[in-house]
């Protein structure tokens, strides 16, 4: 049996980066405009998702979290 390499997504790094963006100052500002007050984290996440932020993140970071791993057969 041998070893082979495959490409996988570093899901933890991707999720951390997206969470940082969701709860960041820019999204806080846009969410605040949308809801009319200083938003809480739930409002920020929901606004990010419903306003296309999640789709935009996926487009902008399509290949940024891919890593090569080596495994045994």
C-alpha atoms as a PDB file:
ATOM      1  CA  UNK A   1       0.000   0.000   0.000  1.00  0.00           C
ATOM      2  CA  UNK A   2       1.134   3.517  -0.654  1.00  0.00           C
ATOM      3  CA  UNK A   3       0.548   7.078   0.252  1.00  0.00           C
ATOM      4  CA  UNK A   4      -1.438   9.551  -1.773  1.00  0.00           C
ATOM      5  CA  UNK A   5      -2.182  13.244  -1.589  1.00  0.00           C
ATOM      6  CA  UNK A   6      -5.569  14.876  -1.731  1.00  0.00           C
ATOM      7  CA  UNK A   7      -6.887  18.410  -1.470  1.00  0.00           C
ATOM      8  CA  UNK A   8      -9.331  19.200   1.351  1.00  0.00           C
ATOM      9  CA  UNK A   9     -10.889  22.332   2.818  1.00  0.00           C
ATOM     10  CA  UNK A  10      -9.515  23.599   6.115  1.00  0.00           C
ATOM     11  CA  UNK A  11     -13.033  24.057   7.466  1.00  0.00           C
ATOM     12  CA  UNK A  12     -11.951  25.438  10.835  1.00  0.00           C
ATOM     13  CA  UNK A  13      -9.867  28.199   9.232  1.00  0.00           C
ATOM     14  CA  UNK A  14     -12.646  29.018   6.751  1.00  0.00           C
ATOM     15  CA  UNK A  15     -15.262  29.219   9.483  1.00  0.00           C
ATOM     16  CA  UNK A  16     -13.051  31.418  11.664  1.00  0.00           C
ATOM     17  CA  UNK A  17     -12.365  33.812   8.791  1.00  0.00           C
ATOM     18  CA  UNK A  18     -16.048  34.048   7.903  1.00  0.00           C
ATOM     19  CA  UNK A  19     -17.082  34.543  11.528  1.00  0.00           C
ATOM     20  CA  UNK A  20     -14.507  37.317  11.872  1.00  0.00           C
ATOM     21  CA  UNK A  21     -16.024  39.018   8.819  1.00  0.00           C
ATOM     22  CA  UNK A  22     -19.616  38.496  10.039  1.00  0.00           C
ATOM     23  CA  UNK A  23     -18.888  40.086  13.409  1.00  0.00           C
ATOM     24  CA  UNK A  24     -16.505  42.740  12.106  1.00  0.00           C
ATOM     25  CA  UNK A  25     -16.865  46.508  12.119  1.00  0.00           C
ATOM     26  CA  UNK A  26     -17.946  46.773   8.466  1.00  0.00           C
ATOM     27  CA  UNK A  27     -20.812  44.322   8.873  1.00  0.00           C
ATOM     28  CA  UNK A  28     -21.741  45.960  12.197  1.00  0.00           C
ATOM     29  CA  UNK A  29     -22.052  49.276  10.377  1.00  0.00           C
ATOM     30  CA  UNK A  30     -24.173  47.897   7.511  1.00  0.00           C
ATOM     31  CA  UNK A  31     -26.350  45.871   9.895  1.00  0.00           C
ATOM     32  CA  UNK A  32     -26.837  48.915  12.111  1.00  0.00           C
ATOM     33  CA  UNK A  33     -28.123  50.876   9.135  1.00  0.00           C
ATOM     34  CA  UNK A  34     -30.501  48.036   8.236  1.00  0.00           C
ATOM     35  CA  UNK A  35     -31.897  47.510  11.742  1.00  0.00           C
ATOM     36  CA  UNK A  36     -31.724  51.114  12.955  1.00  0.00           C
ATOM     37  CA  UNK A  37     -29.718  50.452  16.125  1.00  0.00           C
ATOM     38  CA  UNK A  38     -26.430  48.993  17.357  1.00  0.00           C
ATOM     39  CA  UNK A  39     -26.908  45.364  16.285  1.00  0.00           C
ATOM     40  CA  UNK A  40     -26.375  42.297  18.410  1.00  0.00           C
ATOM     41  CA  UNK A  41     -24.325  39.358  17.058  1.00  0.00           C
ATOM     42  CA  UNK A  42     -27.422  37.415  15.967  1.00  0.00           C
ATOM     43  CA  UNK A  43     -28.660  40.380  13.915  1.00  0.00           C
ATOM     44  CA  UNK A  44     -25.217  40.760  12.375  1.00  0.00           C
ATOM     45  CA  UNK A  45     -25.037  37.106  11.323  1.00  0.00           C
ATOM     46  CA  UNK A  46     -28.571  37.122   9.903  1.00  0.00           C
ATOM     47  CA  UNK A  47     -27.932  40.361   7.990  1.00  0.00           C
ATOM     48  CA  UNK A  48     -24.660  38.972   6.620  1.00  0.00           C
ATOM     49  CA  UNK A  49     -26.416  35.854   5.341  1.00  0.00           C
ATOM     50  CA  UNK A  50     -29.539  37.544   3.969  1.00  0.00           C
ATOM     51  CA  UNK A  51     -27.678  40.413   2.304  1.00  0.00           C
ATOM     52  CA  UNK A  52     -25.422  38.084   0.300  1.00  0.00           C
ATOM     53  CA  UNK A  53     -22.339  38.268   2.501  1.00  0.00           C
ATOM     54  CA  UNK A  54     -22.024  34.508   2.792  1.00  0.00           C
ATOM     55  CA  UNK A  55     -22.245  34.026  -0.972  1.00  0.00           C
ATOM     56  CA  UNK A  56     -19.774  36.839  -1.534  1.00  0.00           C
ATOM     57  CA  UNK A  57     -17.364  35.295   0.989  1.00  0.00           C
ATOM     58  CA  UNK A  58     -17.574  31.948  -0.806  1.00  0.00           C
ATOM     59  CA  UNK A  59     -16.862  33.629  -4.151  1.00  0.00           C
ATOM     60  CA  UNK A  60     -13.944  35.718  -2.862  1.00  0.00           C
ATOM     61  CA  UNK A  61     -12.329  32.855  -0.951  1.00  0.00           C
ATOM     62  CA  UNK A  62     -13.133  29.952  -3.260  1.00  0.00           C
ATOM     63  CA  UNK A  63      -9.647  28.426  -3.083  1.00  0.00           C
ATOM     64  CA  UNK A  64      -8.139  30.180  -0.078  1.00  0.00           C
ATOM     65  CA  UNK A  65      -8.686  27.392   2.444  1.00  0.00           C
ATOM     66  CA  UNK A  66      -7.624  24.394   0.401  1.00  0.00           C
ATOM     67  CA  UNK A  67      -4.811  22.311   1.856  1.00  0.00           C
ATOM     68  CA  UNK A  68      -2.998  19.272   0.580  1.00  0.00           C
ATOM     69  CA  UNK A  69      -2.914  16.266   2.891  1.00  0.00           C
ATOM     70  CA  UNK A  70      -1.112  12.995   2.550  1.00  0.00           C
ATOM     71  CA  UNK A  71      -2.883   9.777   3.504  1.00  0.00           C
ATOM     72  CA  UNK A  72      -2.235   6.072   3.461  1.00  0.00           C
ATOM     73  CA  UNK A  73      -4.237   3.816   1.185  1.00  0.00           C
END
